[in-house]
N, C-alpha and C. Protein backbone atom coordinates (compact mmCIF):
# COMPACT_ATOMS: atom_id res chain seq x y z
N ASP A 1 0.86 -7.98 -21.53
CA ASP A 1 0.21 -7.00 -19.87
C ASP A 1 0.65 -7.49 -18.89
N LEU A 2 0.50 -7.02 -18.32
CA LEU A 2 0.14 -7.32 -16.51
C LEU A 2 -0.70 -6.35 -15.66
N PRO A 3 -1.93 -7.82 -15.25
CA PRO A 3 -2.95 -6.93 -15.42
C PRO A 3 -2.69 -6.77 -13.48
N LEU A 4 -3.91 -5.32 -14.09
CA LEU A 4 -4.07 -4.73 -12.48
C LEU A 4 -5.27 -5.43 -11.37
N SER A 5 -6.18 -6.41 -11.97
CA SER A 5 -6.86 -6.36 -11.22
C SER A 5 -6.63 -7.63 -10.24
N PRO A 6 -6.52 -7.85 -8.99
CA PRO A 6 -6.05 -9.12 -8.57
C PRO A 6 -6.62 -10.34 -8.89
N ASP A 7 -8.32 -9.91 -9.18
CA ASP A 7 -9.31 -10.90 -9.84
C ASP A 7 -8.36 -12.15 -10.89
N ALA A 8 -7.59 -11.71 -11.64
CA ALA A 8 -7.42 -12.05 -13.01
C ALA A 8 -6.69 -12.82 -13.07
N THR A 9 -7.28 -13.70 -13.94
CA THR A 9 -7.05 -15.13 -14.01
C THR A 9 -5.23 -15.40 -13.43
N PHE A 10 -4.39 -14.58 -14.29
CA PHE A 10 -3.06 -14.11 -14.55
C PHE A 10 -2.60 -14.79 -12.95
N TRP A 11 -2.99 -14.38 -12.30
CA TRP A 11 -2.84 -14.28 -10.35
C TRP A 11 -2.72 -15.87 -10.13
N SER A 12 -4.12 -16.68 -10.82
CA SER A 12 -4.19 -17.88 -10.01
C SER A 12 -4.01 -18.77 -11.31
N SER A 13 -3.61 -18.50 -12.55
CA SER A 13 -3.43 -19.90 -12.96
C SER A 13 -2.22 -20.85 -12.85
N PRO A 14 -1.83 -21.20 -13.64
CA PRO A 14 -0.72 -22.84 -12.50
C PRO A 14 -0.13 -22.06 -13.28
N ASP A 15 0.22 -21.36 -14.13
CA ASP A 15 1.78 -20.80 -14.16
C ASP A 15 1.78 -18.97 -13.95
N ALA A 16 1.06 -18.98 -12.78
CA ALA A 16 1.26 -17.91 -12.55
C ALA A 16 2.42 -17.88 -11.32
N PRO A 17 2.78 -16.66 -11.12
CA PRO A 17 4.45 -16.17 -10.38
C PRO A 17 3.97 -16.63 -9.09
N LYS A 18 5.46 -17.29 -8.63
CA LYS A 18 4.96 -18.00 -7.39
C LYS A 18 5.26 -16.63 -6.27
N LYS A 19 4.21 -17.49 -4.86
CA LYS A 19 3.61 -16.57 -3.82
C LYS A 19 5.24 -16.96 -3.07
N ILE A 20 5.71 -16.16 -2.38
CA ILE A 20 6.48 -16.27 -0.78
C ILE A 20 5.64 -15.60 0.03
N SER A 21 5.51 -16.75 1.51
CA SER A 21 4.84 -16.02 2.35
C SER A 21 6.41 -14.87 3.46
N LEU A 22 5.66 -14.45 3.79
CA LEU A 22 6.32 -13.41 4.31
C LEU A 22 5.70 -12.60 6.37
N GLU A 23 6.91 -13.25 6.90
CA GLU A 23 6.41 -13.09 8.46
C GLU A 23 6.24 -11.39 8.74
N LEU A 24 6.07 -10.94 9.33
CA LEU A 24 5.46 -9.21 9.79
C LEU A 24 5.41 -8.98 11.49
N GLY A 25 6.47 -8.40 11.49
CA GLY A 25 6.53 -8.22 13.12
C GLY A 25 6.14 -6.64 13.27
N PRO A 26 6.06 -6.64 14.64
CA PRO A 26 5.42 -5.70 15.03
C PRO A 26 6.36 -4.61 15.41
N GLN A 27 5.46 -2.56 15.26
CA GLN A 27 6.30 -1.78 15.06
C GLN A 27 6.41 -1.18 17.01
N MET A 28 7.91 -1.70 17.38
CA MET A 28 8.66 -1.32 18.30
C MET A 28 9.52 -1.02 18.49
N ILE A 29 10.18 -0.09 17.44
CA ILE A 29 11.28 1.05 17.80
C ILE A 29 10.82 1.87 18.19
N THR A 30 9.59 2.31 17.79
CA THR A 30 9.37 4.57 17.69
C THR A 30 8.18 4.50 18.44
N ASN A 31 7.85 5.25 19.40
CA ASN A 31 6.29 5.64 19.19
C ASN A 31 5.11 6.37 18.88
N PRO A 32 3.94 6.11 19.02
CA PRO A 32 3.49 4.75 19.70
C PRO A 32 4.21 3.27 19.06
N LYS A 33 4.63 2.71 20.25
CA LYS A 33 5.09 1.41 19.86
C LYS A 33 3.31 0.54 19.78
N TRP A 34 3.38 -0.37 18.54
CA TRP A 34 2.05 -1.54 18.17
C TRP A 34 2.66 -2.97 18.81
N PRO A 35 2.56 -3.68 20.06
CA PRO A 35 2.88 -4.92 19.77
C PRO A 35 2.41 -5.66 19.65
N ASN A 36 1.11 -5.98 18.87
CA ASN A 36 0.19 -6.56 18.61
C ASN A 36 -0.39 -6.31 17.93
N PRO A 37 0.02 -5.97 16.28
CA PRO A 37 -1.11 -6.42 15.24
C PRO A 37 -1.58 -7.54 15.20
N SER A 38 -2.76 -6.91 14.27
CA SER A 38 -3.79 -8.57 14.09
C SER A 38 -2.96 -9.25 12.85
N VAL A 39 -2.27 -8.04 12.03
CA VAL A 39 -1.77 -8.73 10.71
C VAL A 39 -0.47 -9.71 11.34
N LYS A 40 -0.71 -10.87 11.44
CA LYS A 40 1.60 -11.28 10.87
C LYS A 40 1.70 -12.13 10.02
N GLU A 41 1.14 -11.97 9.19
CA GLU A 41 1.81 -13.06 7.38
C GLU A 41 0.86 -12.21 6.13
N VAL A 42 2.07 -11.87 5.26
CA VAL A 42 1.17 -11.61 3.95
C VAL A 42 1.75 -12.50 2.89
N ASN A 43 1.36 -13.12 2.08
CA ASN A 43 1.69 -13.84 1.02
C ASN A 43 1.92 -12.61 -0.05
N LEU A 44 3.18 -12.46 -1.23
CA LEU A 44 3.45 -11.71 -1.93
C LEU A 44 4.44 -12.80 -3.15
N SER A 45 3.48 -12.39 -4.12
CA SER A 45 3.89 -12.52 -5.17
C SER A 45 4.49 -11.32 -6.71
N ALA A 46 5.65 -11.57 -7.04
CA ALA A 46 6.70 -10.42 -7.92
C ALA A 46 6.56 -11.18 -9.68
N VAL A 47 6.18 -9.55 -10.51
CA VAL A 47 6.73 -10.33 -11.60
C VAL A 47 6.72 -9.41 -12.64
N SER A 48 7.32 -9.83 -13.67
CA SER A 48 8.10 -8.86 -14.78
C SER A 48 7.85 -9.11 -16.11
N ASN A 49 7.65 -8.20 -17.01
CA ASN A 49 7.70 -8.35 -18.44
C ASN A 49 8.67 -7.85 -19.33
N GLY A 50 9.61 -7.12 -18.52
CA GLY A 50 10.38 -6.55 -19.52
C GLY A 50 10.41 -5.24 -19.46
N SER A 51 8.65 -4.38 -19.25
CA SER A 51 9.11 -2.74 -19.01
C SER A 51 8.07 -2.51 -18.10
N ASP A 52 7.28 -3.56 -17.13
CA ASP A 52 6.65 -2.93 -15.90
C ASP A 52 7.00 -4.37 -15.24
N ILE A 53 6.64 -4.12 -13.50
CA ILE A 53 6.83 -4.75 -12.70
C ILE A 53 5.41 -4.70 -12.18
N ALA A 54 4.93 -5.74 -11.38
CA ALA A 54 3.84 -5.81 -10.30
C ALA A 54 3.89 -6.71 -9.61
N PHE A 55 3.19 -6.17 -8.48
CA PHE A 55 3.10 -7.12 -7.25
C PHE A 55 1.91 -7.05 -6.87
N LEU A 56 1.48 -8.27 -6.50
CA LEU A 56 0.57 -9.18 -5.46
C LEU A 56 0.34 -9.49 -4.14
N LEU A 57 0.34 -8.35 -3.42
CA LEU A 57 -0.15 -8.67 -1.47
C LEU A 57 -1.30 -9.03 -1.72
N GLU A 58 -1.39 -10.39 -0.52
CA GLU A 58 -2.54 -10.58 0.23
C GLU A 58 -2.10 -11.16 1.48
N TRP A 59 -3.31 -10.89 2.01
CA TRP A 59 -3.15 -10.73 3.81
C TRP A 59 -4.79 -11.33 3.89
N GLU A 60 -4.72 -11.73 5.07
CA GLU A 60 -5.86 -12.75 6.16
C GLU A 60 -6.47 -11.26 6.46
N ASP A 61 -8.25 -10.29 6.08
CA ASP A 61 -8.40 -9.69 7.32
C ASP A 61 -10.37 -9.45 7.44
N ALA A 62 -10.61 -9.93 8.63
CA ALA A 62 -12.09 -10.54 8.95
C ALA A 62 -13.78 -9.22 8.57
N ALA A 63 -12.36 -8.62 8.26
CA ALA A 63 -13.62 -7.40 7.80
C ALA A 63 -12.23 -6.20 7.01
N LYS A 64 -13.62 -5.37 6.24
CA LYS A 64 -13.10 -4.19 4.54
C LYS A 64 -13.68 -3.40 5.91
N ASP A 65 -12.17 -2.37 6.19
CA ASP A 65 -12.65 -1.26 7.26
C ASP A 65 -11.79 0.02 6.13
N ASN A 66 -12.73 0.60 5.07
CA ASN A 66 -12.64 1.53 4.23
C ASN A 66 -13.07 2.99 3.81
N PHE A 67 -13.31 3.44 5.71
CA PHE A 67 -13.84 4.54 5.54
C PHE A 67 -12.81 5.80 6.16
N TYR A 68 -13.09 6.91 6.14
CA TYR A 68 -12.45 8.09 6.85
C TYR A 68 -13.66 8.91 7.73
N GLY A 69 -12.45 9.31 8.47
CA GLY A 69 -13.87 10.88 9.13
C GLY A 69 -14.71 9.81 10.31
N HIS A 70 -14.01 8.92 11.09
CA HIS A 70 -14.89 8.16 12.28
C HIS A 70 -13.59 8.98 12.88
N SER A 71 -14.10 8.76 14.44
CA SER A 71 -11.87 9.14 15.30
C SER A 71 -12.44 7.45 16.04
N ASP A 72 -13.26 6.14 15.93
CA ASP A 72 -13.40 5.23 16.06
C ASP A 72 -12.92 4.11 14.97
N ARG A 73 -12.55 4.68 13.53
CA ARG A 73 -12.56 3.74 12.65
C ARG A 73 -11.36 4.37 11.96
N TYR A 74 -10.45 2.88 11.27
CA TYR A 74 -9.19 3.40 10.44
C TYR A 74 -9.60 2.40 9.20
N THR A 75 -8.90 3.08 7.87
CA THR A 75 -8.80 2.49 6.97
C THR A 75 -7.89 1.91 7.38
N ASP A 76 -7.95 0.38 6.15
CA ASP A 76 -6.77 -0.60 5.91
C ASP A 76 -6.45 0.04 4.63
N GLN A 77 -4.53 -0.46 5.12
CA GLN A 77 -4.10 -0.20 4.19
C GLN A 77 -2.85 -1.01 4.22
N ALA A 78 -1.83 -0.48 3.07
CA ALA A 78 -0.48 -1.05 2.96
C ALA A 78 0.59 -0.44 1.91
N ALA A 79 1.60 -1.12 2.47
CA ALA A 79 2.82 -0.25 1.48
C ALA A 79 3.89 -1.12 1.05
N LEU A 80 4.19 -1.12 0.31
CA LEU A 80 6.02 -1.41 -0.48
C LEU A 80 6.82 -0.62 0.05
N MET A 81 8.27 -0.65 0.46
CA MET A 81 9.20 0.44 -0.31
C MET A 81 10.34 -0.40 -0.34
N PHE A 82 10.91 0.76 -1.02
CA PHE A 82 13.26 -0.10 -1.69
C PHE A 82 13.24 1.08 -1.59
N PRO A 83 14.82 1.06 -1.85
CA PRO A 83 15.40 1.66 -0.91
C PRO A 83 15.55 2.91 -2.58
N LEU A 84 15.52 4.06 -2.39
CA LEU A 84 15.93 4.88 -4.05
C LEU A 84 16.72 4.65 -4.79
N GLN A 85 18.27 4.49 -3.84
CA GLN A 85 19.53 4.02 -4.02
C GLN A 85 20.05 2.02 -4.12
N PRO A 86 19.86 1.24 -4.69
CA PRO A 86 20.43 -0.37 -3.84
C PRO A 86 21.75 -0.17 -3.29
N ALA A 87 21.63 -0.43 -2.13
CA ALA A 87 23.29 -0.78 -1.84
C ALA A 87 23.90 -2.58 -1.41
N ALA A 88 24.16 -2.28 -0.76
CA ALA A 88 25.06 -3.88 -0.50
C ALA A 88 23.99 -4.53 0.99
N GLU A 89 23.69 -2.99 2.04
CA GLU A 89 22.93 -3.63 2.98
C GLU A 89 21.65 -2.53 3.19
N ALA A 90 20.21 -3.06 3.29
CA ALA A 90 19.34 -2.61 2.65
C ALA A 90 19.26 -1.11 4.02
N PRO A 91 18.86 -0.19 3.30
CA PRO A 91 18.45 0.90 4.09
C PRO A 91 17.40 0.70 6.17
N MET A 92 17.16 1.42 6.65
CA MET A 92 15.92 1.25 8.10
C MET A 92 15.11 0.44 7.72
N ILE A 93 14.52 -0.61 8.24
CA ILE A 93 12.77 -0.31 8.05
C ILE A 93 12.26 0.56 8.80
N THR A 94 12.55 1.42 9.52
CA THR A 94 11.93 2.78 9.88
C THR A 94 11.72 3.48 8.41
N MET A 95 11.75 3.42 7.57
CA MET A 95 11.15 4.90 6.62
C MET A 95 12.67 4.58 6.21
N GLY A 96 13.94 4.31 5.87
CA GLY A 96 14.76 5.60 5.93
C GLY A 96 15.34 5.51 6.96
N SER A 97 16.35 6.17 6.51
CA SER A 97 17.01 7.30 7.36
C SER A 97 17.52 8.83 6.73
N GLU A 98 18.05 9.49 7.21
CA GLU A 98 18.67 10.96 6.73
C GLU A 98 19.59 10.86 5.19
N ASN A 99 20.34 9.89 5.31
CA ASN A 99 21.30 9.47 4.36
C ASN A 99 20.25 7.72 3.35
N GLU A 100 19.42 7.67 4.23
CA GLU A 100 19.18 6.56 3.44
C GLU A 100 17.57 6.49 2.54
N VAL A 101 17.40 7.25 1.70
CA VAL A 101 15.67 7.35 1.60
C VAL A 101 15.56 6.16 0.68
N VAL A 102 14.07 6.73 1.03
CA VAL A 102 13.62 5.43 0.32
C VAL A 102 12.15 5.73 -0.51
N ASN A 103 11.63 5.12 -1.39
CA ASN A 103 10.72 5.20 -2.07
C ASN A 103 9.23 3.84 -1.50
N ILE A 104 8.31 4.42 -0.86
CA ILE A 104 7.42 4.31 -0.81
C ILE A 104 5.91 4.02 -1.43
N TRP A 105 4.75 2.66 -1.42
CA TRP A 105 4.30 3.25 -2.09
C TRP A 105 2.73 2.35 -0.87
N GLN A 106 1.74 3.22 -0.86
CA GLN A 106 0.99 3.24 -0.23
C GLN A 106 -0.65 2.79 -0.71
N TRP A 107 -0.36 1.84 -0.70
CA TRP A 107 -2.53 1.56 -1.36
C TRP A 107 -3.56 2.01 -0.13
N LYS A 108 -3.85 2.40 0.09
CA LYS A 108 -5.07 3.10 1.98
C LYS A 108 -6.62 2.34 0.74
N ALA A 109 -7.72 1.81 0.94
CA ALA A 109 -8.64 0.86 1.46
C ALA A 109 -9.85 2.03 1.32
N ALA A 110 -9.71 3.35 2.12
CA ALA A 110 -10.30 4.51 1.55
C ALA A 110 -10.27 4.95 0.32
N TRP A 111 -9.42 5.10 -0.03
CA TRP A 111 -8.94 5.68 -1.51
C TRP A 111 -9.82 4.26 -2.60
N GLU A 112 -9.94 3.52 -2.38
CA GLU A 112 -9.93 2.63 -3.13
C GLU A 112 -11.26 2.84 -3.60
N LYS A 113 -12.36 2.78 -2.26
CA LYS A 113 -13.58 3.20 -2.02
C LYS A 113 -13.95 4.84 -2.59
N ASP A 114 -13.22 5.64 -2.66
CA ASP A 114 -13.20 7.27 -3.04
C ASP A 114 -13.47 6.39 -5.19
N ILE A 115 -12.09 5.66 -5.77
CA ILE A 115 -12.11 5.48 -7.02
C ILE A 115 -13.76 4.87 -7.70
N GLY A 116 -14.06 4.13 -6.18
CA GLY A 116 -15.20 3.02 -6.98
C GLY A 116 -15.80 4.34 -6.41
N ASP A 117 -16.99 5.38 -6.13
CA ASP A 117 -17.96 5.89 -5.43
C ASP A 117 -17.00 6.95 -6.91
N GLN A 118 -16.83 7.62 -7.55
CA GLN A 118 -16.32 8.62 -8.12
C GLN A 118 -16.85 7.66 -9.78
N ASN A 119 -16.84 6.82 -9.97
CA ASN A 119 -17.07 5.75 -11.18
C ASN A 119 -18.00 5.59 -11.60
N ASN A 120 -18.82 5.34 -10.03
CA ASN A 120 -20.53 4.63 -10.32
C ASN A 120 -21.11 5.90 -9.28
N LYS A 121 -20.76 7.25 -9.99
CA LYS A 121 -22.16 8.82 -9.24
C LYS A 121 -21.74 8.35 -8.07
N ARG A 122 -21.88 7.48 -6.98
CA ARG A 122 -22.39 7.66 -6.08
C ARG A 122 -23.37 9.01 -5.46
N THR A 123 -24.28 9.51 -4.48
CA THR A 123 -24.55 9.71 -4.32
C THR A 123 -23.80 10.06 -2.47
N ARG A 124 -23.95 10.56 -1.79
CA ARG A 124 -23.60 10.86 -0.53
C ARG A 124 -24.49 10.08 0.55
N GLY A 125 -24.00 9.45 1.50
CA GLY A 125 -24.92 8.71 2.24
C GLY A 125 -23.95 9.43 3.58
N PRO A 126 -24.52 8.20 4.83
CA PRO A 126 -24.10 8.58 6.29
C PRO A 126 -23.04 8.42 5.95
N ASP A 127 -21.94 7.87 5.82
CA ASP A 127 -20.36 7.46 5.73
C ASP A 127 -19.11 8.52 4.86
N ASP A 128 -20.03 9.40 4.41
CA ASP A 128 -19.70 10.59 4.00
C ASP A 128 -19.96 11.60 4.86
N PHE A 129 -20.16 11.37 5.94
CA PHE A 129 -20.09 12.90 7.01
C PHE A 129 -19.40 12.77 8.06
N THR A 130 -18.42 13.65 8.52
CA THR A 130 -17.72 13.56 9.63
C THR A 130 -18.33 13.18 11.21
N SER A 131 -18.04 12.89 12.16
CA SER A 131 -18.72 13.04 13.33
C SER A 131 -19.07 14.23 13.76
N THR A 132 -18.36 15.71 13.30
CA THR A 132 -19.16 17.16 13.25
C THR A 132 -20.22 17.25 12.56
N GLY A 133 -20.29 16.56 11.50
CA GLY A 133 -21.32 16.31 10.85
C GLY A 133 -20.71 17.50 8.95
N THR A 134 -19.31 17.91 8.87
CA THR A 134 -19.48 18.12 7.69
C THR A 134 -18.71 17.24 7.12
N THR A 135 -19.27 17.11 5.61
CA THR A 135 -18.76 16.54 3.95
C THR A 135 -17.40 15.56 4.08
N VAL A 136 -16.86 15.25 3.88
CA VAL A 136 -15.60 14.88 3.83
C VAL A 136 -15.67 14.85 2.34
N ALA A 137 -13.58 15.29 1.78
CA ALA A 137 -13.08 15.22 0.71
C ALA A 137 -12.88 14.15 -0.67
N ARG A 138 -13.32 14.37 -1.37
CA ARG A 138 -13.27 13.43 -2.09
C ARG A 138 -12.44 14.14 -3.61
N PRO A 139 -11.11 14.07 -3.45
CA PRO A 139 -10.13 14.30 -4.38
C PRO A 139 -10.51 13.69 -5.85
N ASP A 140 -10.53 13.87 -6.83
CA ASP A 140 -10.74 12.65 -8.38
C ASP A 140 -9.25 12.23 -7.98
N ARG A 141 -8.98 11.24 -7.95
CA ARG A 141 -7.66 10.40 -7.98
C ARG A 141 -7.78 9.29 -9.27
N ALA A 142 -6.57 8.77 -9.74
CA ALA A 142 -6.54 7.86 -11.01
C ALA A 142 -5.91 7.02 -10.44
N SER A 143 -5.64 6.40 -8.51
CA SER A 143 -4.70 5.45 -8.07
C SER A 143 -5.40 5.42 -6.82
N PRO A 144 -5.50 4.34 -6.03
CA PRO A 144 -5.85 3.90 -4.74
C PRO A 144 -3.92 3.32 -3.79
N VAL A 145 -3.11 3.63 -4.70
CA VAL A 145 -1.69 4.22 -4.13
C VAL A 145 -0.86 5.17 -4.62
N GLU A 146 -0.55 5.65 -3.52
CA GLU A 146 0.50 7.21 -2.70
C GLU A 146 1.42 6.43 -3.44
N ASP A 147 2.55 7.75 -4.32
CA ASP A 147 3.91 7.37 -4.22
C ASP A 147 4.73 8.58 -3.85
N LEU A 148 5.39 7.94 -2.41
CA LEU A 148 5.96 8.66 -1.81
C LEU A 148 7.32 8.36 -1.22
N ASN A 149 8.56 9.36 -0.80
CA ASN A 149 9.15 9.06 -0.14
C ASN A 149 9.65 9.66 1.21
N ALA A 150 10.63 9.04 2.03
CA ALA A 150 11.14 9.33 3.44
C ALA A 150 11.93 9.12 4.04
N GLU A 151 12.73 9.91 4.69
CA GLU A 151 14.21 9.69 5.35
C GLU A 151 13.59 9.67 6.74
N GLY A 152 13.05 8.42 7.06
CA GLY A 152 13.09 8.54 8.37
C GLY A 152 11.67 8.41 9.17
N PHE A 153 11.24 8.23 10.50
CA PHE A 153 9.86 8.60 10.29
C PHE A 153 9.63 10.48 10.47
N SER A 154 8.41 10.06 10.25
CA SER A 154 8.09 11.92 10.14
C SER A 154 8.07 12.93 9.41
N THR A 155 8.74 11.42 8.15
CA THR A 155 9.64 12.74 7.15
C THR A 155 8.33 12.22 5.94
N LEU A 156 7.94 11.46 5.84
CA LEU A 156 6.51 11.18 4.92
C LEU A 156 6.55 12.38 3.68
N THR A 157 6.57 12.25 2.46
CA THR A 157 6.64 13.60 1.59
C THR A 157 5.54 12.35 0.40
N ILE A 158 5.05 13.76 -0.18
CA ILE A 158 3.59 12.79 -1.61
C ILE A 158 4.41 13.66 -2.61
N GLN A 159 5.08 12.18 -3.54
CA GLN A 159 5.34 12.92 -5.10
C GLN A 159 5.10 13.89 -5.72
N ASP A 160 5.65 14.84 -6.51
CA ASP A 160 4.51 15.21 -7.38
C ASP A 160 4.40 14.63 -8.68
N GLU A 161 5.71 13.47 -9.01
CA GLU A 161 4.33 12.82 -9.71
C GLU A 161 3.88 11.40 -9.30
N GLN A 162 3.07 10.79 -9.54
CA GLN A 162 2.37 9.95 -9.12
C GLN A 162 2.03 8.86 -10.10
N ASN A 163 2.78 7.60 -10.08
CA ASN A 163 3.31 7.03 -11.42
C ASN A 163 3.48 5.73 -11.35
N VAL A 164 2.32 4.93 -9.87
CA VAL A 164 2.33 3.31 -9.32
C VAL A 164 0.77 3.94 -9.58
N GLN A 165 0.55 2.65 -9.90
CA GLN A 165 -1.40 2.19 -10.35
C GLN A 165 -1.52 1.07 -9.05
N GLY A 166 -2.15 0.78 -9.14
CA GLY A 166 -2.79 -0.51 -7.99
C GLY A 166 -4.86 -0.32 -7.62
N LYS A 167 -4.77 -1.87 -7.32
CA LYS A 167 -6.57 -2.14 -7.16
C LYS A 167 -6.26 -3.03 -5.74
N GLY A 168 -6.83 -2.58 -5.07
CA GLY A 168 -6.98 -3.90 -4.23
C GLY A 168 -9.16 -4.48 -3.80
N VAL A 169 -9.23 -5.61 -3.94
CA VAL A 169 -10.04 -6.28 -3.88
C VAL A 169 -10.46 -7.03 -2.23
N TRP A 170 -11.35 -7.22 -1.41
CA TRP A 170 -11.36 -7.12 -0.62
C TRP A 170 -12.46 -9.37 -0.62
N LYS A 171 -11.81 -9.67 -0.70
CA LYS A 171 -13.26 -11.28 -0.77
C LYS A 171 -12.72 -12.33 0.28
N ASN A 172 -14.23 -12.96 0.75
CA ASN A 172 -14.02 -14.39 1.65
C ASN A 172 -12.89 -13.82 2.71
N ASN A 173 -12.99 -12.87 3.80
CA ASN A 173 -12.47 -12.23 4.25
C ASN A 173 -10.87 -11.94 3.80
N ARG A 174 -10.45 -11.54 2.80
CA ARG A 174 -9.67 -11.88 2.27
C ARG A 174 -8.82 -10.60 1.77
N TRP A 175 -7.92 -8.85 1.76
CA TRP A 175 -7.46 -8.56 0.47
C TRP A 175 -6.09 -9.11 -0.06
N ARG A 176 -6.31 -8.54 -1.51
CA ARG A 176 -5.94 -8.87 -2.48
C ARG A 176 -5.01 -7.75 -3.66
N VAL A 177 -4.24 -6.99 -3.01
CA VAL A 177 -3.95 -5.93 -3.65
C VAL A 177 -2.62 -5.83 -4.52
N VAL A 178 -2.69 -5.82 -6.24
CA VAL A 178 -2.12 -5.40 -7.35
C VAL A 178 -1.07 -4.25 -6.97
N PHE A 179 0.43 -3.85 -7.34
CA PHE A 179 0.74 -2.50 -7.49
C PHE A 179 1.78 -3.16 -8.63
N ARG A 180 1.20 -1.91 -9.53
CA ARG A 180 2.17 -1.91 -10.39
C ARG A 180 2.75 -0.62 -10.91
N ARG A 181 3.94 -0.50 -11.84
CA ARG A 181 5.05 0.68 -12.51
C ARG A 181 5.15 0.16 -12.96
N SER A 182 5.85 0.85 -14.40
CA SER A 182 6.89 0.58 -15.29
C SER A 182 8.43 0.49 -14.36
N LEU A 183 9.55 -0.20 -15.24
CA LEU A 183 10.64 -0.92 -14.31
C LEU A 183 11.74 0.49 -14.12
N THR A 184 11.82 1.49 -14.88
CA THR A 184 12.25 2.69 -15.00
C THR A 184 11.61 3.35 -15.36
N ASP A 185 11.64 4.53 -14.60
CA ASP A 185 11.14 6.43 -15.23
C ASP A 185 12.23 7.37 -14.98
N SER A 186 12.02 8.39 -15.46
CA SER A 186 12.95 9.68 -15.39
C SER A 186 12.36 10.48 -14.45
N ASP A 187 11.97 9.58 -12.77
CA ASP A 187 11.61 10.67 -11.31
C ASP A 187 12.46 10.22 -11.08
N SER A 188 12.88 11.40 -10.81
CA SER A 188 14.17 11.19 -9.43
C SER A 188 14.11 10.27 -8.04
N GLY A 189 12.63 10.73 -7.83
CA GLY A 189 11.99 10.10 -6.00
C GLY A 189 11.81 8.35 -6.55
N ASP A 190 11.58 8.44 -7.87
CA ASP A 190 11.09 6.32 -7.48
C ASP A 190 12.23 5.75 -7.74
N ALA A 191 12.44 4.18 -7.08
CA ALA A 191 13.21 3.03 -7.04
C ALA A 191 13.49 2.87 -8.36
N GLN A 192 14.53 2.43 -8.85
CA GLN A 192 14.75 2.09 -10.66
C GLN A 192 15.15 0.66 -10.46
N PHE A 193 14.36 -0.33 -11.21
CA PHE A 193 14.28 -1.43 -11.21
C PHE A 193 14.85 -1.82 -12.50
N LYS A 194 16.53 -1.82 -11.98
CA LYS A 194 17.48 -2.61 -13.17
C LYS A 194 17.62 -3.58 -12.92
N GLY A 195 18.13 -3.90 -11.46
CA GLY A 195 18.36 -5.42 -10.75
C GLY A 195 18.15 -6.21 -9.77
N ALA A 196 18.62 -6.68 -8.58
CA ALA A 196 17.95 -7.48 -7.84
C ALA A 196 17.72 -5.81 -6.87
N THR A 197 16.91 -6.01 -5.93
CA THR A 197 16.94 -4.83 -4.82
C THR A 197 15.98 -5.40 -3.60
N GLN A 198 16.52 -4.57 -2.67
CA GLN A 198 15.70 -5.25 -1.09
C GLN A 198 13.80 -4.34 -1.23
N MET A 199 12.87 -5.02 -0.16
CA MET A 199 12.01 -4.02 -0.75
C MET A 199 11.31 -4.63 0.69
N ALA A 200 10.48 -4.02 1.96
CA ALA A 200 9.78 -4.15 2.34
C ALA A 200 8.73 -4.07 2.61
N VAL A 201 7.66 -4.26 3.49
CA VAL A 201 6.46 -4.48 3.80
C VAL A 201 5.49 -4.38 4.59
N ALA A 202 4.29 -3.56 4.84
CA ALA A 202 3.69 -2.85 6.18
C ALA A 202 2.62 -2.98 5.74
N VAL A 203 1.65 -3.42 6.70
CA VAL A 203 -0.54 -3.50 6.87
C VAL A 203 -0.11 -2.81 7.81
N TRP A 204 -1.38 -2.10 7.57
CA TRP A 204 -2.14 -2.04 9.15
C TRP A 204 -3.82 -2.32 8.65
N ASN A 205 -4.54 -2.83 9.69
CA ASN A 205 -5.94 -3.48 9.92
C ASN A 205 -6.98 -1.92 10.59
N GLY A 206 -7.56 -1.35 10.00
CA GLY A 206 -8.53 -0.37 10.75
C GLY A 206 -9.29 -0.95 11.73
N GLY A 207 -9.54 -2.13 11.40
CA GLY A 207 -10.12 -2.47 12.39
C GLY A 207 -10.20 -2.85 13.90
N ASN A 208 -8.53 -2.72 13.54
CA ASN A 208 -8.18 -2.83 15.01
C ASN A 208 -7.21 -1.60 15.01
N ASN A 209 -7.61 -0.46 14.78
CA ASN A 209 -7.33 0.90 15.25
C ASN A 209 -5.99 1.41 14.15
N GLU A 210 -5.51 0.75 13.64
CA GLU A 210 -3.87 0.98 13.33
C GLU A 210 -3.91 2.49 12.05
N ARG A 211 -3.01 2.81 12.68
CA ARG A 211 -2.57 4.39 11.64
C ARG A 211 -0.95 4.56 11.76
N ASN A 212 -0.80 5.27 10.85
CA ASN A 212 0.87 5.61 11.37
C ASN A 212 1.94 4.44 11.57
N GLY A 213 1.98 4.80 12.41
CA GLY A 213 3.41 3.63 12.70
C GLY A 213 2.59 2.89 13.71
N GLN A 214 1.20 2.40 13.92
CA GLN A 214 0.88 2.07 14.82
C GLN A 214 0.58 0.15 13.50
N LYS A 215 1.05 -0.46 13.07
CA LYS A 215 1.09 -0.98 12.32
C LYS A 215 1.90 -2.37 12.29
């Protein structure tokens, strides 16, 4: 089995999947541009057991930003992006294009908190209210990762079927997030892992007021 928990010894044992370091660039293609994102580098591990595939994404972050509903606070996020149809050339890193559909798995720290609160049956506190005093909706979620499609900026679409599992842990000023899904499935909106494929990574630091294209 491929463990969903980033804290599982599977990810840190001598036989753990190899980590590679990826340098992240600023989003400077469309407005609002973001010339100085705070996260400059991530570590990535990937592994398959023949039926499932899992990715561990790690990056430094001095604060855990996992709140919604405050105009000056944003949630930490991370996403993996895959072409829906692998080709010789990678799709545009700007979330694909009209003829290059991509499959995006987006993890949100606030959703991780929502799931934890549901499991713990926590009562509402001050952080459950917006600046106008209205309560923040907490829909039941099975995963803190959302399964999406896009054909370029401002085309993000939520899939009817949500097939990606995930779990994020913030510890020692560092996020570690696992994404997991079956290698193949029957969902036409999902990337099918039948061989090598390109992928891209994006990270948002909520404490740096990053959201949407500011990443």
